[in-house]
Amino acid sequence: MIQTFEKKIAESKVFVIGAGGIGCELLKNLVMSGFKNITVIDLDTIEISNLNRQFLFRKEHVGKSKAEIASSVVKQMSPDVNITFYHDSIMNEKFGVDFFRNFSLIMSALDNRGLFNFVF
């Protein structure tokens, strides 16, 4: 039974919306829990003020895409993870209902009320 559960987790497709403070924590926890297929989206770039609370990022990452760097660091933590990133807005029309249907689990790490209202 445990092997079946672990297999279901490993085969699940997870979509994380946001790669900031909450998103970094979610990504770490997902990987440590055995999830192997993760997609993350964030339009933001890393700022120096993010470094004290967004532990996946370092000083050399400032100015770079949060989604891209978070994906890269997660891949270093767990090389067998299939992780895809989008440096894009969740409000882009290509992320419609059909896109969301590709995932078993969708996790919101949004810190913007307008985006939250748009998604939910």
PDB file of N, CA and C in Angstrom:
ATOM      1  N   MET A   1       0.810  -1.196   0.000  1.00  0.00           N
ATOM      2  CA  MET A   1       0.000   0.000   0.000  1.00  0.00           C
ATOM      3  C   MET A   1       0.859   1.268   0.000  1.00  0.00           C
ATOM      4  N   ILE A   2       1.911   1.272   0.797  1.00  0.00           N
ATOM      5  CA  ILE A   2       2.791   2.437   0.847  1.00  0.00           C
ATOM      6  C   ILE A   2       3.469   2.645  -0.500  1.00  0.00           C
ATOM      7  N   GLN A   3       3.890   1.557  -1.151  1.00  0.00           N
ATOM      8  CA  GLN A   3       4.522   1.683  -2.462  1.00  0.00           C
ATOM      9  C   GLN A   3       3.565   2.279  -3.481  1.00  0.00           C
ATOM     10  N   THR A   4       2.293   1.901  -3.415  1.00  0.00           N
ATOM     11  CA  THR A   4       1.289   2.458  -4.322  1.00  0.00           C
ATOM     12  C   THR A   4       1.134   3.953  -4.080  1.00  0.00           C
ATOM     13  N   PHE A   5       1.096   4.351  -2.812  1.00  0.00           N
ATOM     14  CA  PHE A   5       0.975   5.762  -2.449  1.00  0.00           C
ATOM     15  C   PHE A   5       2.187   6.546  -2.954  1.00  0.00           C
ATOM     16  N   GLU A   6       3.386   6.011  -2.723  1.00  0.00           N
ATOM     17  CA  GLU A   6       4.608   6.671  -3.181  1.00  0.00           C
ATOM     18  C   GLU A   6       4.629   6.792  -4.701  1.00  0.00           C
ATOM     19  N   LYS A   7       4.145   5.767  -5.381  1.00  0.00           N
ATOM     20  CA  LYS A   7       4.093   5.795  -6.844  1.00  0.00           C
ATOM     21  C   LYS A   7       3.130   6.876  -7.326  1.00  0.00           C
ATOM     22  N   LYS A   8       1.975   6.984  -6.677  1.00  0.00           N
ATOM     23  CA  LYS A   8       1.003   8.011  -7.065  1.00  0.00           C
ATOM     24  C   LYS A   8       1.573   9.412  -6.865  1.00  0.00           C
ATOM     25  N   ILE A   9       2.286   9.604  -5.774  1.00  0.00           N
ATOM     26  CA  ILE A   9       2.922  10.901  -5.534  1.00  0.00           C
ATOM     27  C   ILE A   9       3.945  11.180  -6.626  1.00  0.00           C
ATOM     28  N   ALA A  10       4.797  10.219  -6.908  1.00  0.00           N
ATOM     29  CA  ALA A  10       5.853  10.405  -7.906  1.00  0.00           C
ATOM     30  C   ALA A  10       5.291  10.679  -9.297  1.00  0.00           C
ATOM     31  N   GLU A  11       4.141  10.107  -9.606  1.00  0.00           N
ATOM     32  CA  GLU A  11       3.548  10.273 -10.939  1.00  0.00           C
ATOM     33  C   GLU A  11       2.634  11.492 -11.048  1.00  0.00           C
ATOM     34  N   SER A  12       2.269  12.079  -9.925  1.00  0.00           N
ATOM     35  CA  SER A  12       1.390  13.256  -9.945  1.00  0.00           C
ATOM     36  C   SER A  12       2.085  14.432 -10.615  1.00  0.00           C
ATOM     37  N   LYS A  13       1.292  15.265 -11.260  1.00  0.00           N
ATOM     38  CA  LYS A  13       1.805  16.480 -11.888  1.00  0.00           C
ATOM     39  C   LYS A  13       1.320  17.667 -11.067  1.00  0.00           C
ATOM     40  N   VAL A  14       2.274  18.431 -10.550  1.00  0.00           N
ATOM     41  CA  VAL A  14       1.966  19.537  -9.647  1.00  0.00           C
ATOM     42  C   VAL A  14       2.297  20.861 -10.322  1.00  0.00           C
ATOM     43  N   PHE A  15       1.400  21.822 -10.166  1.00  0.00           N
ATOM     44  CA  PHE A  15       1.599  23.175 -10.683  1.00  0.00           C
ATOM     45  C   PHE A  15       1.645  24.132  -9.503  1.00  0.00           C
ATOM     46  N   VAL A  16       2.772  24.815  -9.340  1.00  0.00           N
ATOM     47  CA  VAL A  16       2.950  25.794  -8.270  1.00  0.00           C
ATOM     48  C   VAL A  16       2.891  27.186  -8.885  1.00  0.00           C
ATOM     49  N   ILE A  17       1.946  27.986  -8.405  1.00  0.00           N
ATOM     50  CA  ILE A  17       1.770  29.348  -8.909  1.00  0.00           C
ATOM     51  C   ILE A  17       2.449  30.286  -7.925  1.00  0.00           C
ATOM     52  N   GLY A  18       3.614  30.777  -8.304  1.00  0.00           N
ATOM     53  CA  GLY A  18       4.387  31.678  -7.463  1.00  0.00           C
ATOM     54  C   GLY A  18       5.665  31.017  -6.986  1.00  0.00           C
ATOM     55  N   ALA A  19       6.781  31.730  -7.120  1.00  0.00           N
ATOM     56  CA  ALA A  19       8.078  31.193  -6.697  1.00  0.00           C
ATOM     57  C   ALA A  19       8.769  32.145  -5.726  1.00  0.00           C
ATOM     58  N   GLY A  20       7.962  32.828  -4.918  1.00  0.00           N
ATOM     59  CA  GLY A  20       8.503  33.723  -3.898  1.00  0.00           C
ATOM     60  C   GLY A  20       8.717  32.965  -2.599  1.00  0.00           C
ATOM     61  N   GLY A  21       8.472  33.640  -1.482  1.00  0.00           N
ATOM     62  CA  GLY A  21       8.701  33.030  -0.175  1.00  0.00           C
ATOM     63  C   GLY A  21       7.910  31.759   0.041  1.00  0.00           C
ATOM     64  N   ILE A  22       6.613  31.800  -0.209  1.00  0.00           N
ATOM     65  CA  ILE A  22       5.766  30.617  -0.034  1.00  0.00           C
ATOM     66  C   ILE A  22       6.087  29.577  -1.104  1.00  0.00           C
ATOM     67  N   GLY A  23       6.275  30.022  -2.332  1.00  0.00           N
ATOM     68  CA  GLY A  23       6.574  29.107  -3.431  1.00  0.00           C
ATOM     69  C   GLY A  23       7.863  28.337  -3.218  1.00  0.00           C
ATOM     70  N   CYS A  24       8.906  29.012  -2.720  1.00  0.00           N
ATOM     71  CA  CYS A  24      10.172  28.326  -2.439  1.00  0.00           C
ATOM     72  C   CYS A  24       9.962  27.212  -1.417  1.00  0.00           C
ATOM     73  N   GLU A  25       9.207  27.513  -0.384  1.00  0.00           N
ATOM     74  CA  GLU A  25       8.928  26.514   0.653  1.00  0.00           C
ATOM     75  C   GLU A  25       8.115  25.349   0.087  1.00  0.00           C
ATOM     76  N   LEU A  26       7.097  25.659  -0.710  1.00  0.00           N
ATOM     77  CA  LEU A  26       6.292  24.601  -1.336  1.00  0.00           C
ATOM     78  C   LEU A  26       7.147  23.707  -2.223  1.00  0.00           C
ATOM     79  N   LEU A  27       7.986  24.309  -3.053  1.00  0.00           N
ATOM     80  CA  LEU A  27       8.827  23.527  -3.961  1.00  0.00           C
ATOM     81  C   LEU A  27       9.736  22.578  -3.186  1.00  0.00           C
ATOM     82  N   LYS A  28      10.369  23.089  -2.146  1.00  0.00           N
ATOM     83  CA  LYS A  28      11.231  22.245  -1.313  1.00  0.00           C
ATOM     84  C   LYS A  28      10.433  21.098  -0.703  1.00  0.00           C
ATOM     85  N   ASN A  29       9.278  21.411  -0.140  1.00  0.00           N
ATOM     86  CA  ASN A  29       8.465  20.378   0.510  1.00  0.00           C
ATOM     87  C   ASN A  29       7.945  19.342  -0.477  1.00  0.00           C
ATOM     88  N   LEU A  30       7.569  19.773  -1.661  1.00  0.00           N
ATOM     89  CA  LEU A  30       7.100  18.835  -2.685  1.00  0.00           C
ATOM     90  C   LEU A  30       8.195  17.841  -3.059  1.00  0.00           C
ATOM     91  N   VAL A  31       9.389  18.357  -3.307  1.00  0.00           N
ATOM     92  CA  VAL A  31      10.509  17.496  -3.695  1.00  0.00           C
ATOM     93  C   VAL A  31      10.866  16.536  -2.560  1.00  0.00           C
ATOM     94  N   MET A  32      10.891  17.054  -1.342  1.00  0.00           N
ATOM     95  CA  MET A  32      11.235  16.204  -0.200  1.00  0.00           C
ATOM     96  C   MET A  32      10.150  15.166   0.090  1.00  0.00           C
ATOM     97  N   SER A  33       8.946  15.403  -0.398  1.00  0.00           N
ATOM     98  CA  SER A  33       7.835  14.462  -0.208  1.00  0.00           C
ATOM     99  C   SER A  33       7.748  13.420  -1.315  1.00  0.00           C
ATOM    100  N   GLY A  34       8.582  13.559  -2.342  1.00  0.00           N
ATOM    101  CA  GLY A  34       8.619  12.547  -3.393  1.00  0.00           C
ATOM    102  C   GLY A  34       7.943  12.913  -4.699  1.00  0.00           C
ATOM    103  N   PHE A  35       7.439  14.129  -4.813  1.00  0.00           N
ATOM    104  CA  PHE A  35       6.844  14.552  -6.086  1.00  0.00           C
ATOM    105  C   PHE A  35       7.956  14.722  -7.120  1.00  0.00           C
ATOM    106  N   LYS A  36       7.720  14.227  -8.320  1.00  0.00           N
ATOM    107  CA  LYS A  36       8.760  14.207  -9.355  1.00  0.00           C
ATOM    108  C   LYS A  36       8.430  15.043 -10.584  1.00  0.00           C
ATOM    109  N   ASN A  37       7.183  15.493 -10.725  1.00  0.00           N
ATOM    110  CA  ASN A  37       6.757  16.246 -11.912  1.00  0.00           C
ATOM    111  C   ASN A  37       6.147  17.569 -11.467  1.00  0.00           C
ATOM    112  N   ILE A  38       6.941  18.614 -11.556  1.00  0.00           N
ATOM    113  CA  ILE A  38       6.536  19.911 -11.022  1.00  0.00           C
ATOM    114  C   ILE A  38       6.690  20.975 -12.095  1.00  0.00           C
ATOM    115  N   THR A  39       5.712  21.855 -12.155  1.00  0.00           N
ATOM    116  CA  THR A  39       5.768  23.035 -13.014  1.00  0.00           C
ATOM    117  C   THR A  39       5.561  24.241 -12.116  1.00  0.00           C
ATOM    118  N   VAL A  40       6.342  25.286 -12.331  1.00  0.00           N
ATOM    119  CA  VAL A  40       6.234  26.503 -11.523  1.00  0.00           C
ATOM    120  C   VAL A  40       6.163  27.713 -12.445  1.00  0.00           C
ATOM    121  N   ILE A  41       5.366  28.697 -12.045  1.00  0.00           N
ATOM    122  CA  ILE A  41       5.241  29.931 -12.811  1.00  0.00           C
ATOM    123  C   ILE A  41       5.405  31.130 -11.884  1.00  0.00           C
ATOM    124  N   ASP A  42       6.139  32.117 -12.355  1.00  0.00           N
ATOM    125  CA  ASP A  42       6.260  33.399 -11.663  1.00  0.00           C
ATOM    126  C   ASP A  42       6.813  34.404 -12.660  1.00  0.00           C
ATOM    127  N   LEU A  43       6.260  35.578 -12.667  1.00  0.00           N
ATOM    128  CA  LEU A  43       6.699  36.632 -13.585  1.00  0.00           C
ATOM    129  C   LEU A  43       7.795  37.496 -12.973  1.00  0.00           C
ATOM    130  N   ASP A  44       7.987  37.387 -11.679  1.00  0.00           N
ATOM    131  CA  ASP A  44       8.875  38.280 -10.944  1.00  0.00           C
ATOM    132  C   ASP A  44      10.342  37.883 -11.091  1.00  0.00           C
ATOM    133  N   THR A  45      11.193  38.859 -10.809  1.00  0.00           N
ATOM    134  CA  THR A  45      12.634  38.615 -10.757  1.00  0.00           C
ATOM    135  C   THR A  45      13.108  38.784  -9.313  1.00  0.00           C
ATOM    136  N   ILE A  46      14.238  38.213  -9.027  1.00  0.00           N
ATOM    137  CA  ILE A  46      14.789  38.216  -7.674  1.00  0.00           C
ATOM    138  C   ILE A  46      15.373  39.589  -7.354  1.00  0.00           C
ATOM    139  N   GLU A  47      15.007  40.090  -6.177  1.00  0.00           N
ATOM    140  CA  GLU A  47      15.524  41.359  -5.681  1.00  0.00           C
ATOM    141  C   GLU A  47      16.342  41.096  -4.426  1.00  0.00           C
ATOM    142  N   ILE A  48      17.239  42.000  -4.111  1.00  0.00           N
ATOM    143  CA  ILE A  48      18.087  41.842  -2.926  1.00  0.00           C
ATOM    144  C   ILE A  48      17.238  41.670  -1.665  1.00  0.00           C
ATOM    145  N   SER A  49      16.088  42.344  -1.623  1.00  0.00           N
ATOM    146  CA  SER A  49      15.208  42.264  -0.443  1.00  0.00           C
ATOM    147  C   SER A  49      14.558  40.888  -0.288  1.00  0.00           C
ATOM    148  N   ASN A  50      14.607  40.055  -1.305  1.00  0.00           N
ATOM    149  CA  ASN A  50      14.032  38.702  -1.235  1.00  0.00           C
ATOM    150  C   ASN A  50      14.947  37.715  -0.508  1.00  0.00           C
ATOM    151  N   LEU A  51      16.214  38.010  -0.451  1.00  0.00           N
ATOM    152  CA  LEU A  51      17.196  37.013  -0.034  1.00  0.00           C
ATOM    153  C   LEU A  51      17.054  36.560   1.415  1.00  0.00           C
ATOM    154  N   ASN A  52      16.493  37.400   2.276  1.00  0.00           N
ATOM    155  CA  ASN A  52      16.381  37.011   3.684  1.00  0.00           C
ATOM    156  C   ASN A  52      15.231  36.044   3.943  1.00  0.00           C
ATOM    157  N   ARG A  53      14.317  35.869   2.986  1.00  0.00           N
ATOM    158  CA  ARG A  53      13.161  35.009   3.236  1.00  0.00           C
ATOM    159  C   ARG A  53      12.902  33.998   2.122  1.00  0.00           C
ATOM    160  N   GLN A  54      13.602  34.089   1.035  1.00  0.00           N
ATOM    161  CA  GLN A  54      13.413  33.170  -0.088  1.00  0.00           C
ATOM    162  C   GLN A  54      14.708  32.375  -0.250  1.00  0.00           C
ATOM    163  N   PHE A  55      14.777  31.294   0.523  1.00  0.00           N
ATOM    164  CA  PHE A  55      16.039  30.596   0.759  1.00  0.00           C
ATOM    165  C   PHE A  55      16.643  29.896  -0.454  1.00  0.00           C
ATOM    166  N   LEU A  56      15.913  29.747  -1.545  1.00  0.00           N
ATOM    167  CA  LEU A  56      16.486  29.128  -2.741  1.00  0.00           C
ATOM    168  C   LEU A  56      17.381  30.102  -3.510  1.00  0.00           C
ATOM    169  N   PHE A  57      17.295  31.381  -3.165  1.00  0.00           N
ATOM    170  CA  PHE A  57      17.991  32.414  -3.932  1.00  0.00           C
ATOM    171  C   PHE A  57      19.222  32.941  -3.195  1.00  0.00           C
ATOM    172  N   ARG A  58      20.231  33.301  -3.980  1.00  0.00           N
ATOM    173  CA  ARG A  58      21.483  33.861  -3.469  1.00  0.00           C
ATOM    174  C   ARG A  58      21.754  35.210  -4.138  1.00  0.00           C
ATOM    175  N   LYS A  59      22.744  35.903  -3.622  1.00  0.00           N
ATOM    176  CA  LYS A  59      23.068  37.246  -4.123  1.00  0.00           C
ATOM    177  C   LYS A  59      23.335  37.241  -5.626  1.00  0.00           C
ATOM    178  N   GLU A  60      23.982  36.216  -6.122  1.00  0.00           N
ATOM    179  CA  GLU A  60      24.304  36.149  -7.557  1.00  0.00           C
ATOM    180  C   GLU A  60      23.063  35.946  -8.434  1.00  0.00           C
ATOM    181  N   HIS A  61      21.927  35.648  -7.820  1.00  0.00           N
ATOM    182  CA  HIS A  61      20.680  35.449  -8.567  1.00  0.00           C
ATOM    183  C   HIS A  61      19.873  36.736  -8.751  1.00  0.00           C
ATOM    184  N   VAL A  62      20.266  37.812  -8.086  1.00  0.00           N
ATOM    185  CA  VAL A  62      19.514  39.073  -8.159  1.00  0.00           C
ATOM    186  C   VAL A  62      19.366  39.500  -9.621  1.00  0.00           C
ATOM    187  N   GLY A  63      18.134  39.859  -9.979  1.00  0.00           N
ATOM    188  CA  GLY A  63      17.820  40.290 -11.340  1.00  0.00           C
ATOM    189  C   GLY A  63      17.366  39.166 -12.256  1.00  0.00           C
ATOM    190  N   LYS A  64      17.485  37.932 -11.798  1.00  0.00           N
ATOM    191  CA  LYS A  64      17.098  36.782 -12.625  1.00  0.00           C
ATOM    192  C   LYS A  64      15.684  36.317 -12.277  1.00  0.00           C
ATOM    193  N   SER A  65      15.116  35.510 -13.142  1.00  0.00           N
ATOM    194  CA  SER A  65      13.763  34.983 -12.983  1.00  0.00           C
ATOM    195  C   SER A  65      13.647  34.091 -11.745  1.00  0.00           C
ATOM    196  N   LYS A  66      12.654  34.395 -10.893  1.00  0.00           N
ATOM    197  CA  LYS A  66      12.411  33.552  -9.717  1.00  0.00           C
ATOM    198  C   LYS A  66      12.062  32.128 -10.128  1.00  0.00           C
ATOM    199  N   ALA A  67      11.205  31.987 -11.118  1.00  0.00           N
ATOM    200  CA  ALA A  67      10.783  30.650 -11.551  1.00  0.00           C
ATOM    201  C   ALA A  67      11.967  29.847 -12.088  1.00  0.00           C
ATOM    202  N   GLU A  68      12.800  30.492 -12.884  1.00  0.00           N
ATOM    203  CA  GLU A  68      13.945  29.791 -13.473  1.00  0.00           C
ATOM    204  C   GLU A  68      14.960  29.372 -12.411  1.00  0.00           C
ATOM    205  N   ILE A  69      15.321  30.290 -11.531  1.00  0.00           N
ATOM    206  CA  ILE A  69      16.321  29.972 -10.507  1.00  0.00           C
ATOM    207  C   ILE A  69      15.773  28.949  -9.515  1.00  0.00           C
ATOM    208  N   ALA A  70      14.527  29.112  -9.092  1.00  0.00           N
ATOM    209  CA  ALA A  70      13.931  28.135  -8.172  1.00  0.00           C
ATOM    210  C   ALA A  70      13.949  26.742  -8.797  1.00  0.00           C
ATOM    211  N   SER A  71      13.603  26.653 -10.068  1.00  0.00           N
ATOM    212  CA  SER A  71      13.618  25.363 -10.773  1.00  0.00           C
ATOM    213  C   SER A  71      15.018  24.769 -10.800  1.00  0.00           C
ATOM    214  N   SER A  72      15.991  25.601 -11.089  1.00  0.00           N
ATOM    215  CA  SER A  72      17.375  25.150 -11.166  1.00  0.00           C
ATOM    216  C   SER A  72      17.875  24.637  -9.815  1.00  0.00           C
ATOM    217  N   VAL A  73      17.580  25.366  -8.757  1.00  0.00           N
ATOM    218  CA  VAL A  73      18.028  24.965  -7.423  1.00  0.00           C
ATOM    219  C   VAL A  73      17.325  23.680  -6.982  1.00  0.00           C
ATOM    220  N   VAL A  74      16.035  23.567  -7.262  1.00  0.00           N
ATOM    221  CA  VAL A  74      15.290  22.349  -6.923  1.00  0.00           C
ATOM    222  C   VAL A  74      15.878  21.154  -7.677  1.00  0.00           C
ATOM    223  N   LYS A  75      16.229  21.354  -8.920  1.00  0.00           N
ATOM    224  CA  LYS A  75      16.835  20.284  -9.729  1.00  0.00           C
ATOM    225  C   LYS A  75      18.176  19.852  -9.127  1.00  0.00           C
ATOM    226  N   GLN A  76      18.936  20.808  -8.590  1.00  0.00           N
ATOM    227  CA  GLN A  76      20.196  20.469  -7.925  1.00  0.00           C
ATOM    228  C   GLN A  76      19.942  19.667  -6.649  1.00  0.00           C
ATOM    229  N   MET A  77      18.859  20.015  -5.936  1.00  0.00           N
ATOM    230  CA  MET A  77      18.506  19.299  -4.705  1.00  0.00           C
ATOM    231  C   MET A  77      18.099  17.863  -5.000  1.00  0.00           C
ATOM    232  N   SER A  78      17.394  17.687  -6.113  1.00  0.00           N
ATOM    233  CA  SER A  78      16.845  16.378  -6.468  1.00  0.00           C
ATOM    234  C   SER A  78      16.923  16.197  -7.985  1.00  0.00           C
ATOM    235  N   PRO A  79      18.048  15.690  -8.485  1.00  0.00           N
ATOM    236  CA  PRO A  79      18.267  15.593  -9.933  1.00  0.00           C
ATOM    237  C   PRO A  79      17.240  14.765 -10.701  1.00  0.00           C
ATOM    238  N   ASP A  80      16.516  13.877 -10.021  1.00  0.00           N
ATOM    239  CA  ASP A  80      15.538  13.055 -10.732  1.00  0.00           C
ATOM    240  C   ASP A  80      14.167  13.729 -10.875  1.00  0.00           C
ATOM    241  N   VAL A  81      14.046  14.964 -10.432  1.00  0.00           N
ATOM    242  CA  VAL A  81      12.791  15.712 -10.569  1.00  0.00           C
ATOM    243  C   VAL A  81      12.686  16.290 -11.977  1.00  0.00           C
ATOM    244  N   ASN A  82      11.502  16.158 -12.562  1.00  0.00           N
ATOM    245  CA  ASN A  82      11.202  16.816 -13.837  1.00  0.00           C
ATOM    246  C   ASN A  82      10.533  18.134 -13.486  1.00  0.00           C
ATOM    247  N   ILE A  83      11.254  19.225 -13.654  1.00  0.00           N
ATOM    248  CA  ILE A  83      10.695  20.527 -13.288  1.00  0.00           C
ATOM    249  C   ILE A  83      10.732  21.456 -14.488  1.00  0.00           C
ATOM    250  N   THR A  84       9.604  22.092 -14.718  1.00  0.00           N
ATOM    251  CA  THR A  84       9.438  23.030 -15.824  1.00  0.00           C
ATOM    252  C   THR A  84       9.084  24.379 -15.225  1.00  0.00           C
ATOM    253  N   PHE A  85       9.594  25.441 -15.815  1.00  0.00           N
ATOM    254  CA  PHE A  85       9.255  26.762 -15.296  1.00  0.00           C
ATOM    255  C   PHE A  85       8.723  27.649 -16.410  1.00  0.00           C
ATOM    256  N   TYR A  86       7.926  28.609 -15.995  1.00  0.00           N
ATOM    257  CA  TYR A  86       7.437  29.669 -16.877  1.00  0.00           C
ATOM    258  C   TYR A  86       7.739  31.003 -16.210  1.00  0.00           C
ATOM    259  N   HIS A  87       8.537  31.822 -16.870  1.00  0.00           N
ATOM    260  CA  HIS A  87       8.732  33.209 -16.429  1.00  0.00           C
ATOM    261  C   HIS A  87       7.663  34.006 -17.166  1.00  0.00           C
ATOM    262  N   ASP A  88       6.472  34.006 -16.589  1.00  0.00           N
ATOM    263  CA  ASP A  88       5.303  34.542 -17.288  1.00  0.00           C
ATOM    264  C   ASP A  88       4.231  34.866 -16.257  1.00  0.00           C
ATOM    265  N   SER A  89       3.203  35.539 -16.699  1.00  0.00           N
ATOM    266  CA  SER A  89       2.063  35.869 -15.849  1.00  0.00           C
ATOM    267  C   SER A  89       1.012  34.769 -15.937  1.00  0.00           C
ATOM    268  N   ILE A  90       0.471  34.401 -14.803  1.00  0.00           N
ATOM    269  CA  ILE A  90      -0.608  33.416 -14.775  1.00  0.00           C
ATOM    270  C   ILE A  90      -1.838  33.956 -15.498  1.00  0.00           C
ATOM    271  N   MET A  91      -1.889  35.264 -15.710  1.00  0.00           N
ATOM    272  CA  MET A  91      -3.020  35.884 -16.402  1.00  0.00           C
ATOM    273  C   MET A  91      -2.907  35.759 -17.923  1.00  0.00           C
ATOM    274  N   ASN A  92      -1.776  35.281 -18.417  1.00  0.00           N
ATOM    275  CA  ASN A  92      -1.606  35.062 -19.850  1.00  0.00           C
ATOM    276  C   ASN A  92      -2.652  34.044 -20.311  1.00  0.00           C
ATOM    277  N   GLU A  93      -3.295  34.343 -21.429  1.00  0.00           N
ATOM    278  CA  GLU A  93      -4.400  33.488 -21.900  1.00  0.00           C
ATOM    279  C   GLU A  93      -3.985  32.050 -22.190  1.00  0.00           C
ATOM    280  N   LYS A  94      -2.694  31.799 -22.400  1.00  0.00           N
ATOM    281  CA  LYS A  94      -2.272  30.412 -22.656  1.00  0.00           C
ATOM    282  C   LYS A  94      -2.383  29.531 -21.408  1.00  0.00           C
ATOM    283  N   PHE A  95      -2.564  30.158 -20.243  1.00  0.00           N
ATOM    284  CA  PHE A  95      -2.737  29.400 -19.005  1.00  0.00           C
ATOM    285  C   PHE A  95      -4.218  29.354 -18.626  1.00  0.00           C
ATOM    286  N   GLY A  96      -5.006  28.839 -19.536  1.00  0.00           N
ATOM    287  CA  GLY A  96      -6.447  28.731 -19.325  1.00  0.00           C
ATOM    288  C   GLY A  96      -6.829  27.401 -18.701  1.00  0.00           C
ATOM    289  N   VAL A  97      -8.091  27.108 -18.736  1.00  0.00           N
ATOM    290  CA  VAL A  97      -8.641  25.895 -18.128  1.00  0.00           C
ATOM    291  C   VAL A  97      -7.979  24.638 -18.688  1.00  0.00           C
ATOM    292  N   ASP A  98      -7.770  24.585 -19.989  1.00  0.00           N
ATOM    293  CA  ASP A  98      -7.149  23.395 -20.588  1.00  0.00           C
ATOM    294  C   ASP A  98      -5.737  23.177 -20.053  1.00  0.00           C
ATOM    295  N   PHE A  99      -4.997  24.256 -19.838  1.00  0.00           N
ATOM    296  CA  PHE A  99      -3.657  24.140 -19.266  1.00  0.00           C
ATOM    297  C   PHE A  99      -3.736  23.544 -17.859  1.00  0.00           C
ATOM    298  N   PHE A 100      -4.649  24.055 -17.039  1.00  0.00           N
ATOM    299  CA  PHE A 100      -4.786  23.594 -15.657  1.00  0.00           C
ATOM    300  C   PHE A 100      -5.193  22.126 -15.583  1.00  0.00           C
ATOM    301  N   ARG A 101      -5.897  21.638 -16.562  1.00  0.00           N
ATOM    302  CA  ARG A 101      -6.341  20.235 -16.564  1.00  0.00           C
ATOM    303  C   ARG A 101      -5.185  19.245 -16.694  1.00  0.00           C
ATOM    304  N   ASN A 102      -4.004  19.732 -17.037  1.00  0.00           N
ATOM    305  CA  ASN A 102      -2.832  18.863 -17.156  1.00  0.00           C
ATOM    306  C   ASN A 102      -2.278  18.425 -15.804  1.00  0.00           C
ATOM    307  N   PHE A 103      -2.788  18.991 -14.724  1.00  0.00           N
ATOM    308  CA  PHE A 103      -2.181  18.781 -13.415  1.00  0.00           C
ATOM    309  C   PHE A 103      -3.104  18.032 -12.457  1.00  0.00           C
ATOM    310  N   SER A 104      -2.472  17.230 -11.600  1.00  0.00           N
ATOM    311  CA  SER A 104      -3.189  16.511 -10.547  1.00  0.00           C
ATOM    312  C   SER A 104      -3.429  17.411  -9.343  1.00  0.00           C
ATOM    313  N   LEU A 105      -2.517  18.360  -9.151  1.00  0.00           N
ATOM    314  CA  LEU A 105      -2.540  19.219  -7.974  1.00  0.00           C
ATOM    315  C   LEU A 105      -2.072  20.611  -8.370  1.00  0.00           C
ATOM    316  N   ILE A 106      -2.810  21.621  -7.937  1.00  0.00           N
ATOM    317  CA  ILE A 106      -2.437  23.011  -8.199  1.00  0.00           C
ATOM    318  C   ILE A 106      -2.294  23.696  -6.852  1.00  0.00           C
ATOM    319  N   MET A 107      -1.132  24.321  -6.633  1.00  0.00           N
ATOM    320  CA  MET A 107      -0.860  24.975  -5.360  1.00  0.00           C
ATOM    321  C   MET A 107      -0.606  26.455  -5.598  1.00  0.00           C
ATOM    322  N   SER A 108      -1.296  27.272  -4.831  1.00  0.00           N
ATOM    323  CA  SER A 108      -1.140  28.714  -4.956  1.00  0.00           C
ATOM    324  C   SER A 108      -0.161  29.238  -3.923  1.00  0.00           C
ATOM    325  N   ALA A 109       0.837  29.958  -4.407  1.00  0.00           N
ATOM    326  CA  ALA A 109       1.773  30.669  -3.542  1.00  0.00           C
ATOM    327  C   ALA A 109       1.742  32.149  -3.919  1.00  0.00           C
ATOM    328  N   LEU A 110       0.570  32.605  -4.300  1.00  0.00           N
ATOM    329  CA  LEU A 110       0.394  33.986  -4.753  1.00  0.00           C
ATOM    330  C   LEU A 110       0.434  34.955  -3.577  1.00  0.00           C
ATOM    331  N   ASP A 111       1.059  36.097  -3.807  1.00  0.00           N
ATOM    332  CA  ASP A 111       1.106  37.143  -2.786  1.00  0.00           C
ATOM    333  C   ASP A 111       0.460  38.432  -3.299  1.00  0.00           C
ATOM    334  N   ASN A 112      -0.314  38.302  -4.343  1.00  0.00           N
ATOM    335  CA  ASN A 112      -0.947  39.448  -4.983  1.00  0.00           C
ATOM    336  C   ASN A 112      -2.450  39.194  -5.029  1.00  0.00           C
ATOM    337  N   ARG A 113      -3.220  40.040  -4.364  1.00  0.00           N
ATOM    338  CA  ARG A 113      -4.670  39.838  -4.253  1.00  0.00           C
ATOM    339  C   ARG A 113      -5.344  39.802  -5.625  1.00  0.00           C
ATOM    340  N   GLY A 114      -4.927  40.687  -6.535  1.00  0.00           N
ATOM    341  CA  GLY A 114      -5.522  40.715  -7.867  1.00  0.00           C
ATOM    342  C   GLY A 114      -5.308  39.416  -8.622  1.00  0.00           C
ATOM    343  N   LEU A 115      -4.100  38.876  -8.552  1.00  0.00           N
ATOM    344  CA  LEU A 115      -3.810  37.599  -9.204  1.00  0.00           C
ATOM    345  C   LEU A 115      -4.584  36.469  -8.540  1.00  0.00           C
ATOM    346  N   PHE A 116      -4.652  36.500  -7.219  1.00  0.00           N
ATOM    347  CA  PHE A 116      -5.396  35.465  -6.497  1.00  0.00           C
ATOM    348  C   PHE A 116      -6.853  35.457  -6.943  1.00  0.00           C
ATOM    349  N   ASN A 117      -7.454  36.628  -7.026  1.00  0.00           N
ATOM    350  CA  ASN A 117      -8.852  36.726  -7.462  1.00  0.00           C
ATOM    351  C   ASN A 117      -9.019  36.249  -8.899  1.00  0.00           C
ATOM    352  N   PHE A 118      -8.030  36.509  -9.745  1.00  0.00           N
ATOM    353  CA  PHE A 118      -8.082  36.075 -11.141  1.00  0.00           C
ATOM    354  C   PHE A 118      -8.071  34.552 -11.237  1.00  0.00           C
ATOM    355  N   VAL A 119      -7.196  33.919 -10.468  1.00  0.00           N
ATOM    356  CA  VAL A 119      -7.032  32.467 -10.534  1.00  0.00           C
ATOM    357  C   VAL A 119      -8.209  31.749  -9.892  1.00  0.00           C
ATOM    358  N   PHE A 120      -8.694  32.279  -8.771  1.00  0.00           N
ATOM    359  CA  PHE A 120      -9.740  31.586  -8.032  1.00  0.00           C
ATOM    360  C   PHE A 120     -11.042  32.338  -8.121  1.00  0.00           C
TER     361      PHE A 120
END
